[in-house]
N, C-alpha and C. Protein backbone atom coordinates (compact mmCIF):
# COMPACT_ATOMS: atom_id res chain seq x y z
N UNK A 1 119.05 114.55 75.01
CA UNK A 1 117.86 115.23 74.51
C UNK A 1 117.44 116.32 75.49
N UNK A 2 116.79 117.29 74.97
CA UNK A 2 116.30 118.37 75.82
C UNK A 2 114.98 117.98 76.45
N UNK A 3 114.68 118.62 77.58
CA UNK A 3 113.45 118.34 78.31
C UNK A 3 112.24 118.59 77.43
N UNK A 4 112.26 119.67 76.68
CA UNK A 4 111.12 120.01 75.82
C UNK A 4 110.86 118.91 74.80
N UNK A 5 111.93 118.41 74.17
CA UNK A 5 111.78 117.34 73.18
C UNK A 5 111.23 116.07 73.81
N UNK A 6 111.75 115.73 74.99
CA UNK A 6 111.27 114.54 75.69
C UNK A 6 109.80 114.68 76.07
N UNK A 7 109.45 115.87 76.57
CA UNK A 7 108.07 116.13 76.95
C UNK A 7 107.14 115.99 75.75
N UNK A 8 107.54 116.57 74.63
CA UNK A 8 106.71 116.51 73.43
C UNK A 8 106.61 115.09 72.90
N UNK A 9 107.69 114.32 72.99
CA UNK A 9 107.64 112.93 72.55
C UNK A 9 106.63 112.13 73.37
N UNK A 10 106.51 112.46 74.64
CA UNK A 10 105.55 111.78 75.52
C UNK A 10 104.13 112.33 75.34
N UNK A 11 104.01 113.41 74.58
CA UNK A 11 102.70 114.01 74.36
C UNK A 11 102.15 114.73 75.57
N UNK A 12 103.04 115.32 76.36
CA UNK A 12 102.63 115.99 77.59
C UNK A 12 102.69 117.51 77.41
N UNK A 13 101.78 118.19 78.07
CA UNK A 13 101.87 119.64 78.11
C UNK A 13 102.85 120.02 79.22
N UNK A 14 103.25 121.29 79.25
CA UNK A 14 104.13 121.74 80.32
C UNK A 14 103.46 121.57 81.68
N UNK A 15 102.18 121.88 81.73
CA UNK A 15 101.45 121.76 82.99
C UNK A 15 101.40 120.32 83.47
N UNK A 16 101.18 119.39 82.55
CA UNK A 16 101.10 117.98 82.92
C UNK A 16 102.44 117.48 83.45
N UNK A 17 103.52 117.78 82.74
CA UNK A 17 104.84 117.34 83.18
C UNK A 17 105.22 117.99 84.51
N UNK A 18 104.93 119.27 84.65
CA UNK A 18 105.25 119.97 85.89
C UNK A 18 104.52 119.31 87.07
N UNK A 19 103.27 118.98 86.87
CA UNK A 19 102.49 118.34 87.94
C UNK A 19 103.04 116.96 88.26
N UNK A 20 103.37 116.19 87.22
CA UNK A 20 103.92 114.84 87.42
C UNK A 20 105.25 114.88 88.16
N UNK A 21 106.06 115.89 87.87
CA UNK A 21 107.39 116.00 88.47
C UNK A 21 107.36 116.72 89.81
N UNK A 22 106.27 117.37 90.12
CA UNK A 22 106.19 118.10 91.39
C UNK A 22 106.94 119.42 91.36
N UNK A 23 107.02 120.04 90.19
CA UNK A 23 107.67 121.35 90.06
C UNK A 23 106.64 122.33 89.52
N UNK A 24 106.95 123.60 89.60
CA UNK A 24 106.02 124.58 89.08
C UNK A 24 106.13 124.64 87.55
N UNK A 25 105.05 125.06 86.92
CA UNK A 25 105.06 125.21 85.46
C UNK A 25 106.10 126.24 85.06
N UNK A 26 106.24 127.29 85.84
CA UNK A 26 107.22 128.33 85.54
C UNK A 26 108.65 127.77 85.58
N UNK A 27 108.93 126.90 86.55
CA UNK A 27 110.25 126.27 86.62
C UNK A 27 110.51 125.44 85.37
N UNK A 28 109.52 124.68 84.95
CA UNK A 28 109.66 123.88 83.74
C UNK A 28 109.88 124.76 82.52
N UNK A 29 109.15 125.87 82.45
CA UNK A 29 109.33 126.80 81.33
C UNK A 29 110.76 127.35 81.30
N UNK A 30 111.28 127.69 82.47
CA UNK A 30 112.65 128.20 82.54
C UNK A 30 113.66 127.16 82.09
N UNK A 31 113.46 125.91 82.51
CA UNK A 31 114.37 124.83 82.12
C UNK A 31 114.34 124.63 80.61
N UNK A 32 113.13 124.64 80.04
CA UNK A 32 113.01 124.46 78.60
C UNK A 32 113.61 125.63 77.82
N UNK A 33 113.72 126.79 78.47
CA UNK A 33 114.33 127.95 77.83
C UNK A 33 115.82 128.08 78.14
N UNK A 34 116.41 127.07 78.78
CA UNK A 34 117.85 127.06 78.99
C UNK A 34 118.33 127.32 80.39
N UNK A 35 117.44 127.47 81.37
CA UNK A 35 117.88 127.69 82.75
C UNK A 35 118.53 126.42 83.29
N UNK A 36 119.36 126.57 84.28
CA UNK A 36 120.07 125.44 84.89
C UNK A 36 119.28 124.92 86.09
N UNK A 37 118.70 123.74 85.99
CA UNK A 37 117.91 123.20 87.10
C UNK A 37 118.79 122.59 88.18
N UNK A 38 118.22 122.45 89.37
CA UNK A 38 118.93 121.78 90.45
C UNK A 38 118.92 120.28 90.19
N UNK A 39 119.78 119.58 90.90
CA UNK A 39 119.86 118.12 90.78
C UNK A 39 118.52 117.49 91.17
N UNK A 40 117.89 118.01 92.23
CA UNK A 40 116.60 117.47 92.67
C UNK A 40 115.54 117.63 91.58
N UNK A 41 115.54 118.80 90.93
CA UNK A 41 114.57 119.05 89.87
C UNK A 41 114.81 118.10 88.71
N UNK A 42 116.08 117.88 88.35
CA UNK A 42 116.40 116.95 87.27
C UNK A 42 115.95 115.54 87.61
N UNK A 43 116.16 115.12 88.85
CA UNK A 43 115.72 113.78 89.26
C UNK A 43 114.21 113.65 89.16
N UNK A 44 113.49 114.70 89.56
CA UNK A 44 112.04 114.68 89.48
C UNK A 44 111.57 114.59 88.02
N UNK A 45 112.20 115.37 87.16
CA UNK A 45 111.84 115.34 85.74
C UNK A 45 112.18 114.00 85.12
N UNK A 46 113.33 113.44 85.47
CA UNK A 46 113.72 112.13 84.94
C UNK A 46 112.72 111.06 85.36
N UNK A 47 112.29 111.12 86.61
CA UNK A 47 111.31 110.16 87.09
C UNK A 47 109.99 110.31 86.35
N UNK A 48 109.54 111.53 86.19
CA UNK A 48 108.27 111.78 85.50
C UNK A 48 108.34 111.39 84.03
N UNK A 49 109.50 111.58 83.40
CA UNK A 49 109.66 111.25 81.99
C UNK A 49 110.07 109.79 81.78
N UNK A 50 110.31 109.09 82.90
CA UNK A 50 110.69 107.68 82.88
C UNK A 50 111.97 107.45 82.07
N UNK A 51 112.97 108.28 82.36
CA UNK A 51 114.28 108.13 81.73
C UNK A 51 115.34 108.13 82.81
N UNK A 52 116.54 107.78 82.44
CA UNK A 52 117.65 107.75 83.37
C UNK A 52 118.09 109.18 83.70
N UNK A 53 118.32 109.43 84.96
CA UNK A 53 118.74 110.75 85.42
C UNK A 53 120.02 111.19 84.72
N UNK A 54 120.97 110.28 84.53
CA UNK A 54 122.24 110.63 83.89
C UNK A 54 122.02 111.09 82.45
N UNK A 55 121.08 110.47 81.75
CA UNK A 55 120.79 110.88 80.37
C UNK A 55 120.24 112.30 80.33
N UNK A 56 119.41 112.62 81.28
CA UNK A 56 118.82 113.95 81.32
C UNK A 56 119.87 114.99 81.72
N UNK A 57 120.75 114.62 82.59
CA UNK A 57 121.77 115.55 83.08
C UNK A 57 122.80 115.89 82.00
N UNK A 58 122.95 115.01 81.01
CA UNK A 58 123.96 115.21 79.98
C UNK A 58 123.53 116.17 78.88
N UNK A 59 122.32 116.71 78.97
CA UNK A 59 121.91 117.66 77.94
C UNK A 59 122.77 118.90 78.03
N UNK A 60 123.16 119.48 76.89
CA UNK A 60 124.14 120.56 76.87
C UNK A 60 123.80 121.78 77.71
N UNK A 61 122.52 122.17 77.78
CA UNK A 61 122.21 123.40 78.50
C UNK A 61 122.08 123.18 80.01
N UNK A 62 122.42 122.01 80.49
CA UNK A 62 122.29 121.71 81.91
C UNK A 62 123.64 121.34 82.51
N UNK A 63 124.65 122.11 82.25
CA UNK A 63 125.98 121.77 82.72
C UNK A 63 126.22 122.13 84.18
N UNK A 64 125.47 123.06 84.72
CA UNK A 64 125.62 123.46 86.12
C UNK A 64 124.28 123.33 86.83
N UNK A 65 123.89 122.09 87.19
CA UNK A 65 122.55 121.88 87.73
C UNK A 65 122.31 122.47 89.11
N UNK A 66 123.34 122.79 89.85
CA UNK A 66 123.13 123.27 91.21
C UNK A 66 123.01 124.78 91.31
N UNK A 67 122.92 125.49 90.19
CA UNK A 67 122.85 126.94 90.25
C UNK A 67 121.45 127.48 90.03
N UNK A 68 120.45 126.62 90.03
CA UNK A 68 119.07 127.06 89.81
C UNK A 68 118.60 127.92 90.98
N UNK A 69 117.81 128.91 90.69
CA UNK A 69 117.37 129.83 91.75
C UNK A 69 116.43 129.18 92.75
N UNK A 70 115.73 128.13 92.37
CA UNK A 70 114.82 127.42 93.25
C UNK A 70 115.58 126.36 94.03
N UNK A 71 116.29 126.73 95.10
CA UNK A 71 117.15 125.79 95.80
C UNK A 71 116.40 124.98 96.85
N UNK A 72 115.27 125.42 97.29
CA UNK A 72 114.51 124.70 98.31
C UNK A 72 113.52 123.74 97.64
N UNK A 73 113.77 122.40 97.73
CA UNK A 73 112.86 121.46 97.08
C UNK A 73 111.50 121.41 97.78
N UNK A 74 110.46 121.23 97.00
CA UNK A 74 109.12 121.13 97.54
C UNK A 74 108.89 119.69 98.02
N UNK A 75 107.88 119.47 98.86
CA UNK A 75 107.58 118.10 99.30
C UNK A 75 107.29 117.17 98.11
N UNK A 76 106.63 117.68 97.09
CA UNK A 76 106.34 116.86 95.92
C UNK A 76 107.63 116.47 95.20
N UNK A 77 108.58 117.41 95.14
CA UNK A 77 109.87 117.11 94.51
C UNK A 77 110.60 116.03 95.31
N UNK A 78 110.60 116.17 96.63
CA UNK A 78 111.28 115.19 97.47
C UNK A 78 110.64 113.81 97.33
N UNK A 79 109.32 113.77 97.24
CA UNK A 79 108.63 112.49 97.06
C UNK A 79 109.00 111.87 95.72
N UNK A 80 109.08 112.69 94.69
CA UNK A 80 109.46 112.18 93.37
C UNK A 80 110.89 111.66 93.37
N UNK A 81 111.78 112.34 94.06
CA UNK A 81 113.18 111.88 94.14
C UNK A 81 113.25 110.56 94.90
N UNK A 82 112.50 110.45 96.00
CA UNK A 82 112.49 109.20 96.76
C UNK A 82 111.93 108.06 95.92
N UNK A 83 110.88 108.32 95.16
CA UNK A 83 110.31 107.29 94.29
C UNK A 83 111.32 106.87 93.23
N UNK A 84 112.01 107.84 92.66
CA UNK A 84 113.03 107.55 91.65
C UNK A 84 114.15 106.71 92.24
N UNK A 85 114.62 107.07 93.44
CA UNK A 85 115.68 106.32 94.10
C UNK A 85 115.23 104.90 94.44
N UNK A 86 113.99 104.75 94.91
CA UNK A 86 113.47 103.42 95.24
C UNK A 86 113.38 102.55 93.99
N UNK A 87 112.95 103.15 92.89
CA UNK A 87 112.86 102.41 91.63
C UNK A 87 114.25 101.94 91.19
N UNK A 88 115.24 102.81 91.29
CA UNK A 88 116.61 102.45 90.92
C UNK A 88 117.17 101.38 91.86
N UNK A 89 116.88 101.48 93.14
CA UNK A 89 117.35 100.48 94.10
C UNK A 89 116.75 99.12 93.77
N UNK A 90 115.47 99.09 93.43
CA UNK A 90 114.81 97.83 93.07
C UNK A 90 115.46 97.25 91.82
N UNK A 91 115.75 98.07 90.83
CA UNK A 91 116.38 97.58 89.60
C UNK A 91 117.77 97.03 89.89
N UNK A 92 118.52 97.68 90.77
CA UNK A 92 119.84 97.19 91.14
C UNK A 92 119.74 95.83 91.83
N UNK A 93 118.73 95.65 92.67
CA UNK A 93 118.53 94.37 93.35
C UNK A 93 118.20 93.28 92.34
N UNK A 94 117.35 93.56 91.38
CA UNK A 94 117.01 92.59 90.34
C UNK A 94 118.25 92.23 89.52
N UNK A 95 119.03 93.23 89.13
CA UNK A 95 120.25 92.97 88.36
C UNK A 95 121.24 92.14 89.17
N UNK A 96 121.35 92.42 90.45
CA UNK A 96 122.24 91.65 91.33
C UNK A 96 121.78 90.19 91.38
N UNK A 97 120.47 89.98 91.49
CA UNK A 97 119.95 88.61 91.52
C UNK A 97 120.26 87.87 90.22
N UNK A 98 120.09 88.54 89.09
CA UNK A 98 120.36 87.89 87.80
C UNK A 98 121.81 87.42 87.71
N UNK A 99 122.74 88.25 88.16
CA UNK A 99 124.14 87.85 88.17
C UNK A 99 124.39 86.68 89.12
N UNK A 100 123.80 86.74 90.29
CA UNK A 100 123.94 85.68 91.29
C UNK A 100 123.40 84.36 90.74
N UNK A 101 122.23 84.41 90.13
CA UNK A 101 121.60 83.20 89.60
C UNK A 101 122.40 82.61 88.44
N UNK A 102 122.93 83.45 87.58
CA UNK A 102 123.72 82.93 86.46
C UNK A 102 125.00 82.26 86.96
N UNK A 103 125.65 82.83 87.98
CA UNK A 103 126.84 82.19 88.56
C UNK A 103 126.47 80.85 89.20
N UNK A 104 125.34 80.81 89.85
CA UNK A 104 124.85 79.56 90.46
C UNK A 104 124.68 78.48 89.39
N UNK A 105 124.04 78.82 88.28
CA UNK A 105 123.81 77.83 87.23
C UNK A 105 125.13 77.32 86.64
N UNK A 106 126.07 78.22 86.40
CA UNK A 106 127.36 77.82 85.82
C UNK A 106 128.13 76.92 86.79
N UNK A 107 128.22 77.32 88.04
CA UNK A 107 128.97 76.53 89.02
C UNK A 107 128.29 75.18 89.24
N UNK A 108 126.98 75.16 89.34
CA UNK A 108 126.29 73.88 89.55
C UNK A 108 126.44 72.95 88.34
N UNK A 109 126.46 73.50 87.14
CA UNK A 109 126.70 72.68 85.95
C UNK A 109 128.09 72.07 85.99
N UNK A 110 129.09 72.87 86.35
CA UNK A 110 130.46 72.35 86.45
C UNK A 110 130.59 71.31 87.56
N UNK A 111 129.97 71.57 88.71
CA UNK A 111 130.03 70.59 89.81
C UNK A 111 129.32 69.29 89.43
N UNK A 112 128.22 69.40 88.71
CA UNK A 112 127.51 68.20 88.26
C UNK A 112 128.39 67.38 87.32
N UNK A 113 129.06 68.06 86.42
CA UNK A 113 129.98 67.38 85.50
C UNK A 113 131.11 66.70 86.27
N UNK A 114 131.69 67.40 87.23
CA UNK A 114 132.75 66.81 88.06
C UNK A 114 132.22 65.61 88.82
N UNK A 115 131.03 65.74 89.39
CA UNK A 115 130.42 64.65 90.14
C UNK A 115 130.22 63.42 89.25
N UNK A 116 129.70 63.62 88.06
CA UNK A 116 129.44 62.49 87.17
C UNK A 116 130.72 61.83 86.68
N UNK A 117 131.78 62.62 86.49
CA UNK A 117 133.05 62.06 86.02
C UNK A 117 133.80 61.35 87.14
N UNK A 118 133.83 61.94 88.32
CA UNK A 118 134.65 61.38 89.42
C UNK A 118 133.94 60.33 90.25
N UNK A 119 132.66 60.48 90.49
CA UNK A 119 131.96 59.55 91.38
C UNK A 119 130.49 59.43 90.96
N UNK A 120 130.20 58.75 89.87
CA UNK A 120 128.82 58.68 89.37
C UNK A 120 127.88 57.88 90.27
N UNK A 121 128.43 57.08 91.21
CA UNK A 121 127.58 56.27 92.10
C UNK A 121 126.91 57.10 93.20
N UNK A 122 127.53 58.20 93.60
CA UNK A 122 126.98 59.05 94.66
C UNK A 122 126.80 60.46 94.11
N UNK A 123 125.60 60.93 94.14
CA UNK A 123 125.27 62.24 93.57
C UNK A 123 125.39 63.31 94.65
N UNK A 124 126.64 63.65 95.02
CA UNK A 124 126.91 64.59 96.10
C UNK A 124 126.62 66.04 95.73
N UNK A 125 126.53 66.34 94.44
CA UNK A 125 126.34 67.72 94.00
C UNK A 125 125.01 68.30 94.50
N UNK A 126 124.09 67.44 94.89
CA UNK A 126 122.81 67.92 95.39
C UNK A 126 122.97 68.78 96.65
N UNK A 127 123.99 68.47 97.47
CA UNK A 127 124.14 69.21 98.73
C UNK A 127 124.58 70.66 98.52
N UNK A 128 125.62 70.92 97.72
CA UNK A 128 125.93 72.34 97.47
C UNK A 128 124.82 73.05 96.68
N UNK A 129 124.15 72.30 95.79
CA UNK A 129 123.05 72.91 95.04
C UNK A 129 121.92 73.31 95.97
N UNK A 130 121.62 72.47 96.94
CA UNK A 130 120.56 72.77 97.91
C UNK A 130 120.96 73.94 98.81
N UNK A 131 122.18 73.91 99.33
CA UNK A 131 122.63 74.99 100.23
C UNK A 131 122.65 76.33 99.54
N UNK A 132 123.26 76.38 98.37
CA UNK A 132 123.32 77.63 97.63
C UNK A 132 121.95 78.00 97.10
N UNK A 133 121.16 77.00 96.78
CA UNK A 133 119.80 77.24 96.28
C UNK A 133 118.93 77.97 97.28
N UNK A 134 119.15 77.69 98.56
CA UNK A 134 118.39 78.41 99.60
C UNK A 134 118.75 79.90 99.57
N UNK A 135 120.04 80.19 99.43
CA UNK A 135 120.46 81.59 99.33
C UNK A 135 119.87 82.24 98.08
N UNK A 136 119.84 81.51 96.98
CA UNK A 136 119.24 82.02 95.74
C UNK A 136 117.76 82.32 95.95
N UNK A 137 117.06 81.44 96.66
CA UNK A 137 115.63 81.64 96.91
C UNK A 137 115.39 82.92 97.72
N UNK A 138 116.22 83.16 98.73
CA UNK A 138 116.07 84.39 99.51
C UNK A 138 116.38 85.62 98.67
N UNK A 139 117.39 85.50 97.83
CA UNK A 139 117.74 86.63 96.96
C UNK A 139 116.61 86.91 95.97
N UNK A 140 116.01 85.85 95.43
CA UNK A 140 114.88 86.02 94.51
C UNK A 140 113.69 86.68 95.23
N UNK A 141 113.45 86.25 96.45
CA UNK A 141 112.37 86.85 97.23
C UNK A 141 112.61 88.35 97.41
N UNK A 142 113.84 88.70 97.75
CA UNK A 142 114.18 90.10 97.95
C UNK A 142 114.06 90.89 96.64
N UNK A 143 114.44 90.29 95.54
CA UNK A 143 114.45 91.00 94.26
C UNK A 143 113.06 91.16 93.66
N UNK A 144 112.20 90.15 93.82
CA UNK A 144 110.93 90.17 93.09
C UNK A 144 109.68 90.26 93.96
N UNK A 145 109.75 89.88 95.20
CA UNK A 145 108.54 89.84 96.01
C UNK A 145 108.44 90.96 97.04
N UNK A 146 109.56 91.42 97.54
CA UNK A 146 109.55 92.45 98.58
C UNK A 146 109.35 93.81 97.94
N UNK A 147 108.32 94.51 98.34
CA UNK A 147 108.06 95.86 97.85
C UNK A 147 108.87 96.84 98.68
N UNK A 148 109.59 97.70 97.99
CA UNK A 148 110.41 98.71 98.67
C UNK A 148 109.49 99.79 99.25
N UNK A 149 109.76 100.15 100.49
CA UNK A 149 109.01 101.23 101.13
C UNK A 149 109.76 102.53 100.95
N UNK A 150 109.06 103.57 100.50
CA UNK A 150 109.67 104.88 100.35
C UNK A 150 109.51 105.60 101.67
N UNK A 151 110.63 105.99 102.25
CA UNK A 151 110.62 106.67 103.53
C UNK A 151 109.93 108.02 103.41
N UNK A 152 109.09 108.34 104.38
CA UNK A 152 108.39 109.63 104.33
C UNK A 152 109.09 110.70 105.14
N UNK A 153 110.15 110.32 105.86
CA UNK A 153 110.88 111.31 106.65
C UNK A 153 111.99 111.92 105.80
N UNK A 154 112.30 113.18 106.08
CA UNK A 154 113.36 113.87 105.33
C UNK A 154 114.53 114.14 106.21
């Protein structure tokens, strides 16, 4: 989709989107008229529009994103890019935890079954469940409780 269509779907004016993304209104106007934005500008717009950067980059009129005349990113643009990257990093951590937890459940179910079939008098499966469970708890803490800090240095 084009930036203009996405902006209109969100009910934003050019000025509002430009301010949210940390770019000038004129830059946004140029992009909507077919200019090639820089990668940093695209990341800022993707963050402001709450869409995936790759989806925004695939629009037909943005095939050469690094040829935009505004090559020097503004501090607001850099902050928006850092926020976008932190959000993506947090989502990757959550996705990693989900995979880890699902493997834990499957393996523990299989070990429980093996334990019950081979030695029902001693419930040894509790020990690997406890050991791995501690690692799961730390991973969950990292995925859901730790707030990512956005670095202010460039």
